[in-house]
C-alpha atoms as a PDB file:
ATOM      1  CA  MET A   1     -31.491 271.152  98.457  1.00  0.00           C
ATOM      2  CA  ARG A   2     -33.605 268.003  98.352  1.00  0.00           C
ATOM      3  CA  ASN A   3     -34.207 266.168 101.564  1.00  0.00           C
ATOM      4  CA  LEU A   4     -33.402 262.616 100.419  1.00  0.00           C
ATOM      5  CA  HIS A   5     -32.774 259.459 102.439  1.00  0.00           C
ATOM      6  CA  VAL A   6     -31.939 256.075 100.887  1.00  0.00           C
ATOM      7  CA  TRP A   7     -31.577 252.631 102.436  1.00  0.00           C
ATOM      8  CA  THR A   8     -31.494 249.001 101.338  1.00  0.00           C
ATOM      9  CA  HIS A   9     -32.572 245.743 102.923  1.00  0.00           C
ATOM     10  CA  ARG A  10     -33.223 242.144 101.978  1.00  0.00           C
ATOM     11  CA  THR A  11     -36.754 240.873 101.462  1.00  0.00           C
ATOM     12  CA  GLU A  12     -37.992 237.594 102.940  1.00  0.00           C
ATOM     13  CA  ASP A  13     -37.070 235.982  99.599  1.00  0.00           C
ATOM     14  CA  GLY A  14     -33.499 237.279  99.908  1.00  0.00           C
ATOM     15  CA  GLU A  15     -33.845 239.927  97.187  1.00  0.00           C
ATOM     16  CA  LYS A  16     -32.182 243.294  97.640  1.00  0.00           C
ATOM     17  CA  ARG A  17     -34.714 246.159  97.913  1.00  0.00           C
ATOM     18  CA  GLU A  18     -33.801 249.849  97.760  1.00  0.00           C
ATOM     19  CA  VAL A  19     -36.094 252.450  99.317  1.00  0.00           C
ATOM     20  CA  ARG A  20     -35.940 256.213  98.812  1.00  0.00           C
ATOM     21  CA  ALA A  21     -37.720 258.856 100.845  1.00  0.00           C
ATOM     22  CA  VAL A  22     -37.964 262.440  99.598  1.00  0.00           C
ATOM     23  CA  LYS A  23     -39.549 265.273 101.551  1.00  0.00           C
ATOM     24  CA  ASN A  24     -41.777 267.203  99.182  1.00  0.00           C
ATOM     25  CA  GLN A  25     -44.430 269.802 100.052  1.00  0.00           C
ATOM     26  CA  GLY A  26     -44.378 268.941 103.751  1.00  0.00           C
ATOM     27  CA  ARG A  27     -44.826 265.198 103.246  1.00  0.00           C
ATOM     28  CA  TRP A  28     -42.509 262.234 102.857  1.00  0.00           C
ATOM     29  CA  LYS A  29     -42.844 260.519  99.478  1.00  0.00           C
ATOM     30  CA  LEU A  30     -41.519 256.958  99.372  1.00  0.00           C
ATOM     31  CA  GLN A  31     -40.520 254.825  96.423  1.00  0.00           C
ATOM     32  CA  SER A  32     -38.855 251.443  96.160  1.00  0.00           C
ATOM     33  CA  LYS A  33     -37.609 248.862  93.721  1.00  0.00           C
ATOM     34  CA  LEU A  34     -36.093 245.430  93.776  1.00  0.00           C
ATOM     35  CA  LYS A  35     -32.618 245.064  92.334  1.00  0.00           C
ATOM     36  CA  HIS A  36     -33.827 243.309  89.176  1.00  0.00           C
ATOM     37  CA  GLU A  37     -36.633 245.820  88.476  1.00  0.00           C
ATOM     38  CA  ALA A  38     -36.079 248.701  86.082  1.00  0.00           C
ATOM     39  CA  GLU A  39     -38.940 250.912  87.295  1.00  0.00           C
ATOM     40  CA  TRP A  40     -39.535 252.444  90.719  1.00  0.00           C
ATOM     41  CA  THR A  41     -42.769 251.796  92.616  1.00  0.00           C
ATOM     42  CA  TYR A  42     -44.223 255.039  94.031  1.00  0.00           C
ATOM     43  CA  TYR A  43     -46.457 254.805  97.101  1.00  0.00           C
ATOM     44  CA  GLU A  44     -49.460 257.000  97.816  1.00  0.00           C
ATOM     45  CA  THR A  45     -49.663 255.317 101.219  1.00  0.00           C
ATOM     46  CA  PRO A  46     -46.258 253.967 102.224  1.00  0.00           C
ATOM     47  CA  GLU A  47     -45.826 250.631 103.947  1.00  0.00           C
ATOM     48  CA  ARG A  48     -45.674 250.852 107.736  1.00  0.00           C
ATOM     49  CA  SER A  49     -42.300 249.065 107.880  1.00  0.00           C
ATOM     50  CA  ASP A  50     -40.790 251.603 105.459  1.00  0.00           C
ATOM     51  CA  LEU A  51     -42.119 254.523 107.494  1.00  0.00           C
ATOM     52  CA  GLU A  52     -40.760 252.998 110.698  1.00  0.00           C
ATOM     53  CA  GLU A  53     -37.342 252.570 109.069  1.00  0.00           C
ATOM     54  CA  LEU A  54     -37.440 256.170 107.797  1.00  0.00           C
ATOM     55  CA  ARG A  55     -38.314 257.417 111.267  1.00  0.00           C
ATOM     56  CA  ASP A  56     -35.414 255.434 112.763  1.00  0.00           C
ATOM     57  CA  ILE A  57     -32.988 256.811 110.158  1.00  0.00           C
ATOM     58  CA  LEU A  58     -34.193 260.371 110.725  1.00  0.00           C
ATOM     59  CA  TRP A  59     -33.873 260.004 114.507  1.00  0.00           C
ATOM     60  CA  ARG A  60     -30.277 258.769 114.226  1.00  0.00           C
ATOM     61  CA  LYS A  61     -29.417 261.573 111.792  1.00  0.00           C
ATOM     62  CA  TYR A  62     -31.110 264.122 114.072  1.00  0.00           C
ATOM     63  CA  GLN A  63     -28.904 263.023 116.961  1.00  0.00           C
ATOM     64  CA  ARG A  64     -25.851 263.687 114.761  1.00  0.00           C
ATOM     65  CA  ARG A  65     -27.319 267.039 113.596  1.00  0.00           C
ATOM     66  CA  ARG A  66     -27.797 265.747 110.037  1.00  0.00           C
ATOM     67  CA  ALA A  67     -31.619 266.018 110.044  1.00  0.00           C
ATOM     68  CA  SER A  68     -34.075 268.462 111.564  1.00  0.00           C
ATOM     69  CA  HIS A  69     -36.436 267.730 114.422  1.00  0.00           C
ATOM     70  CA  GLU A  70     -39.317 268.771 112.157  1.00  0.00           C
ATOM     71  CA  ASP A  71     -38.440 265.895 109.805  1.00  0.00           C
ATOM     72  CA  VAL A  72     -38.654 263.417 112.698  1.00  0.00           C
ATOM     73  CA  LEU A  73     -41.985 264.900 113.832  1.00  0.00           C
ATOM     74  CA  LEU A  74     -43.359 264.667 110.286  1.00  0.00           C
ATOM     75  CA  ALA A  75     -42.455 260.965 110.126  1.00  0.00           C
ATOM     76  CA  ASP A  76     -44.119 260.477 113.539  1.00  0.00           C
ATOM     77  CA  LYS A  77     -47.272 262.204 112.273  1.00  0.00           C
ATOM     78  CA  MET A  78     -47.389 260.034 109.154  1.00  0.00           C
ATOM     79  CA  LEU A  79     -47.018 256.898 111.309  1.00  0.00           C
ATOM     80  CA  ALA A  80     -49.835 258.090 113.578  1.00  0.00           C
ATOM     81  CA  ASP A  81     -52.049 258.851 110.568  1.00  0.00           C
ATOM     82  CA  LEU A  82     -51.339 255.384 109.150  1.00  0.00           C
ATOM     83  CA  ALA A  83     -52.254 253.765 112.480  1.00  0.00           C
ATOM     84  CA  GLY A  84     -55.480 255.789 112.599  1.00  0.00           C
ATOM     85  CA  SER A  85     -56.671 254.665 109.177  1.00  0.00           C
END
């Protein structure tokens, strides 16, 4: 089963933006698109705000036993790696 998490938010311009995070080969892969766009944007290095939102979602799901602790730790590691670069 794929480990997939999806959320939406509004940009500063008021546009709806959908973000998807998929765990693949021990790493979170993020992609996003605005509502009017047809193609997804895939990120080699995800935006910090998206990673923080993913970590928050994973933590809430972990507390409800819907996500593993390893998933939360992986998001924490990616945030730490992003801060170190």
